[in-house]
Amino acid sequence: MLSLTVPERLALKGRAHPLSPTVMIGNAGLTESVLKEIALALKTHELIKIRVTAERPQREQMLSVICTQLNAAPIQHIGKILVVYQPNPDAHKIELKKMPRHKGKKPLTKKQLGNRG
Protein backbone atom coordinates (compact mmCIF):
# COMPACT_ATOMS: atom_id res chain seq x y z
CA MET A 1 0.00 0.00 0.00
CA LEU A 2 1.28 3.42 -0.95
CA SER A 3 1.69 5.90 1.90
CA LEU A 4 1.39 9.67 1.66
CA THR A 5 2.13 12.52 4.01
CA VAL A 6 -0.73 14.50 5.56
CA PRO A 7 -0.19 17.61 3.36
CA GLU A 8 -0.14 15.44 0.22
CA ARG A 9 -3.35 13.71 1.29
CA LEU A 10 -5.00 17.07 2.03
CA ALA A 11 -4.04 18.38 -1.40
CA LEU A 12 -5.48 15.27 -3.05
CA LYS A 13 -8.70 15.58 -1.02
CA GLY A 14 -9.11 19.09 -2.39
CA ARG A 15 -8.57 17.87 -5.94
CA ALA A 16 -11.01 14.98 -5.47
CA HIS A 17 -13.85 17.17 -4.22
CA PRO A 18 -15.36 18.10 -7.64
CA LEU A 19 -14.89 14.60 -9.13
CA SER A 20 -17.79 12.26 -9.81
CA PRO A 21 -17.58 8.55 -8.93
CA THR A 22 -15.79 6.68 -11.71
CA VAL A 23 -16.47 3.11 -10.55
CA MET A 24 -19.45 1.69 -8.70
CA ILE A 25 -19.35 -1.47 -6.59
CA GLY A 26 -22.80 -3.04 -6.36
CA ASN A 27 -24.37 -6.08 -4.70
CA ALA A 28 -21.83 -8.54 -6.18
CA GLY A 29 -19.09 -6.86 -4.16
CA LEU A 30 -15.44 -6.49 -5.06
CA THR A 31 -14.94 -8.96 -7.90
CA GLU A 32 -11.94 -9.45 -10.18
CA SER A 33 -13.63 -7.55 -13.00
CA VAL A 34 -14.33 -4.59 -10.68
CA LEU A 35 -10.68 -4.60 -9.54
CA LYS A 36 -9.56 -4.57 -13.19
CA GLU A 37 -11.88 -1.63 -13.88
CA ILE A 38 -10.51 0.25 -10.86
CA ALA A 39 -6.94 -0.44 -12.00
CA LEU A 40 -7.77 0.85 -15.48
CA ALA A 41 -9.41 4.00 -14.09
CA LEU A 42 -6.44 4.64 -11.78
CA LYS A 43 -4.03 4.20 -14.68
CA THR A 44 -5.97 6.78 -16.68
CA HIS A 45 -6.96 9.34 -14.03
CA GLU A 46 -4.60 8.69 -11.06
CA LEU A 47 -7.24 9.98 -8.60
CA ILE A 48 -10.71 8.42 -8.59
CA LYS A 49 -13.88 8.17 -6.54
CA ILE A 50 -15.57 4.81 -6.01
CA ARG A 51 -19.21 4.47 -4.90
CA VAL A 52 -19.93 1.40 -2.75
CA THR A 53 -23.39 0.14 -1.73
CA ALA A 54 -22.16 -2.18 1.05
CA GLU A 55 -22.22 -1.52 4.80
CA ARG A 56 -19.44 0.40 6.57
CA PRO A 57 -17.29 -2.59 7.72
CA GLN A 58 -17.35 -4.06 4.21
CA ARG A 59 -16.47 -0.66 2.70
CA GLU A 60 -13.42 -0.34 4.97
CA GLN A 61 -12.36 -3.87 4.04
CA MET A 62 -12.84 -3.15 0.32
CA LEU A 63 -10.75 0.02 0.59
CA SER A 64 -7.88 -1.87 2.21
CA VAL A 65 -8.08 -4.69 -0.37
CA ILE A 66 -8.11 -2.22 -3.28
CA CYS A 67 -5.14 -0.30 -1.92
CA THR A 68 -3.03 -3.37 -1.11
CA GLN A 69 -3.70 -5.24 -4.37
CA LEU A 70 -3.25 -2.20 -6.63
CA ASN A 71 -0.51 -0.50 -4.57
CA ALA A 72 -2.62 2.63 -4.24
CA ALA A 73 -3.08 5.14 -1.43
CA PRO A 74 -6.37 5.59 0.41
CA ILE A 75 -7.20 9.29 0.42
CA GLN A 76 -10.66 9.46 1.94
CA HIS A 77 -13.60 7.29 3.02
CA ILE A 78 -16.64 9.45 3.52
CA GLY A 79 -20.08 7.89 3.51
CA LYS A 80 -20.39 5.49 0.61
CA ILE A 81 -17.61 7.16 -1.37
CA LEU A 82 -14.00 5.97 -1.40
CA VAL A 83 -11.23 8.14 -2.85
CA VAL A 84 -8.10 6.35 -4.07
CA TYR A 85 -4.85 7.64 -5.59
CA GLN A 86 -2.21 5.79 -7.58
CA PRO A 87 0.56 7.77 -9.30
CA ASN A 88 1.15 6.94 -12.96
CA PRO A 89 4.54 8.10 -14.25
CA ASP A 90 3.32 7.88 -17.88
CA ALA A 91 0.21 10.05 -17.48
CA HIS A 92 1.60 12.19 -14.63
CA LYS A 93 -1.54 14.33 -14.45
CA ILE A 94 -1.23 15.15 -10.76
CA GLU A 95 1.93 16.57 -9.23
CA LEU A 96 2.25 16.34 -5.47
CA LYS A 97 3.76 19.55 -4.17
CA LYS A 98 4.27 20.97 -0.75
CA MET A 99 1.32 22.85 0.66
CA PRO A 100 1.26 26.35 -0.86
CA ARG A 101 1.11 29.18 1.60
CA HIS A 102 -0.70 32.51 1.65
CA LYS A 103 1.04 35.79 2.31
CA GLY A 104 0.15 35.40 5.98
CA LYS A 105 1.98 32.03 6.04
CA LYS A 106 -1.24 30.08 6.65
CA PRO A 107 -1.79 26.89 4.62
CA LEU A 108 -4.54 26.93 2.02
CA THR A 109 -7.84 25.23 2.84
CA LYS A 110 -9.11 22.17 0.96
CA LYS A 111 -11.58 24.35 -0.93
CA GLN A 112 -8.85 26.77 -2.00
CA LEU A 113 -6.63 23.87 -3.11
CA GLY A 114 -9.46 22.40 -5.17
CA ASN A 115 -10.02 25.71 -6.95
CA ARG A 116 -6.38 25.86 -8.04
CA GLY A 117 -6.95 22.74 -10.24
C-alpha atoms as a PDB file:
ATOM      1  CA  MET A   1       0.000   0.000   0.000  1.00  0.00           C
ATOM      2  CA  LEU A   2       1.277   3.424  -0.953  1.00  0.00           C
ATOM      3  CA  SER A   3       1.690   5.896   1.897  1.00  0.00           C
ATOM      4  CA  LEU A   4       1.393   9.670   1.658  1.00  0.00           C
ATOM      5  CA  THR A   5       2.127  12.524   4.014  1.00  0.00           C
ATOM      6  CA  VAL A   6      -0.726  14.497   5.558  1.00  0.00           C
ATOM      7  CA  PRO A   7      -0.186  17.610   3.361  1.00  0.00           C
ATOM      8  CA  GLU A   8      -0.142  15.441   0.218  1.00  0.00           C
ATOM      9  CA  ARG A   9      -3.353  13.706   1.295  1.00  0.00           C
ATOM     10  CA  LEU A  10      -5.003  17.069   2.025  1.00  0.00           C
ATOM     11  CA  ALA A  11      -4.036  18.383  -1.400  1.00  0.00           C
ATOM     12  CA  LEU A  12      -5.481  15.267  -3.049  1.00  0.00           C
ATOM     13  CA  LYS A  13      -8.695  15.583  -1.020  1.00  0.00           C
ATOM     14  CA  GLY A  14      -9.106  19.092  -2.393  1.00  0.00           C
ATOM     15  CA  ARG A  15      -8.569  17.873  -5.941  1.00  0.00           C
ATOM     16  CA  ALA A  16     -11.010  14.983  -5.469  1.00  0.00           C
ATOM     17  CA  HIS A  17     -13.854  17.172  -4.221  1.00  0.00           C
ATOM     18  CA  PRO A  18     -15.356  18.101  -7.638  1.00  0.00           C
ATOM     19  CA  LEU A  19     -14.889  14.598  -9.126  1.00  0.00           C
ATOM     20  CA  SER A  20     -17.791  12.259  -9.812  1.00  0.00           C
ATOM     21  CA  PRO A  21     -17.582   8.546  -8.934  1.00  0.00           C
ATOM     22  CA  THR A  22     -15.791   6.681 -11.705  1.00  0.00           C
ATOM     23  CA  VAL A  23     -16.471   3.109 -10.552  1.00  0.00           C
ATOM     24  CA  MET A  24     -19.454   1.688  -8.696  1.00  0.00           C
ATOM     25  CA  ILE A  25     -19.347  -1.474  -6.590  1.00  0.00           C
ATOM     26  CA  GLY A  26     -22.798  -3.043  -6.360  1.00  0.00           C
ATOM     27  CA  ASN A  27     -24.369  -6.078  -4.698  1.00  0.00           C
ATOM     28  CA  ALA A  28     -21.834  -8.538  -6.182  1.00  0.00           C
ATOM     29  CA  GLY A  29     -19.088  -6.861  -4.163  1.00  0.00           C
ATOM     30  CA  LEU A  30     -15.443  -6.487  -5.057  1.00  0.00           C
ATOM     31  CA  THR A  31     -14.940  -8.961  -7.898  1.00  0.00           C
ATOM     32  CA  GLU A  32     -11.936  -9.445 -10.183  1.00  0.00           C
ATOM     33  CA  SER A  33     -13.634  -7.551 -12.999  1.00  0.00           C
ATOM     34  CA  VAL A  34     -14.330  -4.594 -10.679  1.00  0.00           C
ATOM     35  CA  LEU A  35     -10.681  -4.604  -9.544  1.00  0.00           C
ATOM     36  CA  LYS A  36      -9.560  -4.566 -13.193  1.00  0.00           C
ATOM     37  CA  GLU A  37     -11.881  -1.634 -13.881  1.00  0.00           C
ATOM     38  CA  ILE A  38     -10.510   0.246 -10.859  1.00  0.00           C
ATOM     39  CA  ALA A  39      -6.936  -0.441 -12.000  1.00  0.00           C
ATOM     40  CA  LEU A  40      -7.768   0.855 -15.481  1.00  0.00           C
ATOM     41  CA  ALA A  41      -9.409   3.997 -14.086  1.00  0.00           C
ATOM     42  CA  LEU A  42      -6.436   4.642 -11.785  1.00  0.00           C
ATOM     43  CA  LYS A  43      -4.033   4.203 -14.682  1.00  0.00           C
ATOM     44  CA  THR A  44      -5.973   6.781 -16.679  1.00  0.00           C
ATOM     45  CA  HIS A  45      -6.960   9.340 -14.029  1.00  0.00           C
ATOM     46  CA  GLU A  46      -4.598   8.686 -11.062  1.00  0.00           C
ATOM     47  CA  LEU A  47      -7.236   9.984  -8.599  1.00  0.00           C
ATOM     48  CA  ILE A  48     -10.715   8.423  -8.594  1.00  0.00           C
ATOM     49  CA  LYS A  49     -13.876   8.169  -6.538  1.00  0.00           C
ATOM     50  CA  ILE A  50     -15.574   4.810  -6.012  1.00  0.00           C
ATOM     51  CA  ARG A  51     -19.206   4.474  -4.904  1.00  0.00           C
ATOM     52  CA  VAL A  52     -19.930   1.402  -2.751  1.00  0.00           C
ATOM     53  CA  THR A  53     -23.394   0.142  -1.728  1.00  0.00           C
ATOM     54  CA  ALA A  54     -22.162  -2.178   1.052  1.00  0.00           C
ATOM     55  CA  GLU A  55     -22.224  -1.523   4.802  1.00  0.00           C
ATOM     56  CA  ARG A  56     -19.435   0.396   6.569  1.00  0.00           C
ATOM     57  CA  PRO A  57     -17.293  -2.591   7.718  1.00  0.00           C
ATOM     58  CA  GLN A  58     -17.347  -4.061   4.206  1.00  0.00           C
ATOM     59  CA  ARG A  59     -16.472  -0.665   2.700  1.00  0.00           C
ATOM     60  CA  GLU A  60     -13.424  -0.344   4.969  1.00  0.00           C
ATOM     61  CA  GLN A  61     -12.355  -3.870   4.036  1.00  0.00           C
ATOM     62  CA  MET A  62     -12.842  -3.148   0.316  1.00  0.00           C
ATOM     63  CA  LEU A  63     -10.747   0.021   0.594  1.00  0.00           C
ATOM     64  CA  SER A  64      -7.876  -1.868   2.211  1.00  0.00           C
ATOM     65  CA  VAL A  65      -8.085  -4.692  -0.370  1.00  0.00           C
ATOM     66  CA  ILE A  66      -8.113  -2.224  -3.277  1.00  0.00           C
ATOM     67  CA  CYS A  67      -5.138  -0.303  -1.918  1.00  0.00           C
ATOM     68  CA  THR A  68      -3.026  -3.372  -1.109  1.00  0.00           C
ATOM     69  CA  GLN A  69      -3.702  -5.236  -4.370  1.00  0.00           C
ATOM     70  CA  LEU A  70      -3.249  -2.204  -6.626  1.00  0.00           C
ATOM     71  CA  ASN A  71      -0.505  -0.497  -4.572  1.00  0.00           C
ATOM     72  CA  ALA A  72      -2.622   2.626  -4.239  1.00  0.00           C
ATOM     73  CA  ALA A  73      -3.080   5.135  -1.433  1.00  0.00           C
ATOM     74  CA  PRO A  74      -6.374   5.587   0.410  1.00  0.00           C
ATOM     75  CA  ILE A  75      -7.203   9.288   0.419  1.00  0.00           C
ATOM     76  CA  GLN A  76     -10.664   9.461   1.937  1.00  0.00           C
ATOM     77  CA  HIS A  77     -13.605   7.293   3.019  1.00  0.00           C
ATOM     78  CA  ILE A  78     -16.643   9.451   3.518  1.00  0.00           C
ATOM     79  CA  GLY A  79     -20.084   7.893   3.514  1.00  0.00           C
ATOM     80  CA  LYS A  80     -20.395   5.486   0.611  1.00  0.00           C
ATOM     81  CA  ILE A  81     -17.614   7.159  -1.374  1.00  0.00           C
ATOM     82  CA  LEU A  82     -13.997   5.966  -1.400  1.00  0.00           C
ATOM     83  CA  VAL A  83     -11.230   8.143  -2.852  1.00  0.00           C
ATOM     84  CA  VAL A  84      -8.104   6.348  -4.069  1.00  0.00           C
ATOM     85  CA  TYR A  85      -4.852   7.643  -5.593  1.00  0.00           C
ATOM     86  CA  GLN A  86      -2.206   5.792  -7.582  1.00  0.00           C
ATOM     87  CA  PRO A  87       0.561   7.769  -9.298  1.00  0.00           C
ATOM     88  CA  ASN A  88       1.151   6.940 -12.959  1.00  0.00           C
ATOM     89  CA  PRO A  89       4.544   8.104 -14.251  1.00  0.00           C
ATOM     90  CA  ASP A  90       3.324   7.877 -17.878  1.00  0.00           C
ATOM     91  CA  ALA A  91       0.211  10.045 -17.477  1.00  0.00           C
ATOM     92  CA  HIS A  92       1.600  12.194 -14.629  1.00  0.00           C
ATOM     93  CA  LYS A  93      -1.537  14.328 -14.449  1.00  0.00           C
ATOM     94  CA  ILE A  94      -1.233  15.154 -10.756  1.00  0.00           C
ATOM     95  CA  GLU A  95       1.925  16.570  -9.231  1.00  0.00           C
ATOM     96  CA  LEU A  96       2.255  16.342  -5.471  1.00  0.00           C
ATOM     97  CA  LYS A  97       3.763  19.546  -4.166  1.00  0.00           C
ATOM     98  CA  LYS A  98       4.275  20.971  -0.747  1.00  0.00           C
ATOM     99  CA  MET A  99       1.324  22.846   0.660  1.00  0.00           C
ATOM    100  CA  PRO A 100       1.259  26.349  -0.862  1.00  0.00           C
ATOM    101  CA  ARG A 101       1.110  29.183   1.603  1.00  0.00           C
ATOM    102  CA  HIS A 102      -0.699  32.507   1.654  1.00  0.00           C
ATOM    103  CA  LYS A 103       1.041  35.787   2.307  1.00  0.00           C
ATOM    104  CA  GLY A 104       0.147  35.395   5.978  1.00  0.00           C
ATOM    105  CA  LYS A 105       1.976  32.031   6.040  1.00  0.00           C
ATOM    106  CA  LYS A 106      -1.245  30.077   6.647  1.00  0.00           C
ATOM    107  CA  PRO A 107      -1.791  26.886   4.621  1.00  0.00           C
ATOM    108  CA  LEU A 108      -4.536  26.935   2.019  1.00  0.00           C
ATOM    109  CA  THR A 109      -7.837  25.227   2.843  1.00  0.00           C
ATOM    110  CA  LYS A 110      -9.111  22.170   0.956  1.00  0.00           C
ATOM    111  CA  LYS A 111     -11.579  24.347  -0.934  1.00  0.00           C
ATOM    112  CA  GLN A 112      -8.849  26.766  -2.003  1.00  0.00           C
ATOM    113  CA  LEU A 113      -6.629  23.867  -3.111  1.00  0.00           C
ATOM    114  CA  GLY A 114      -9.460  22.401  -5.173  1.00  0.00           C
ATOM    115  CA  ASN A 115     -10.022  25.708  -6.948  1.00  0.00           C
ATOM    116  CA  ARG A 116      -6.381  25.863  -8.038  1.00  0.00           C
ATOM    117  CA  GLY A 117      -6.951  22.742 -10.244  1.00  0.00           C
END
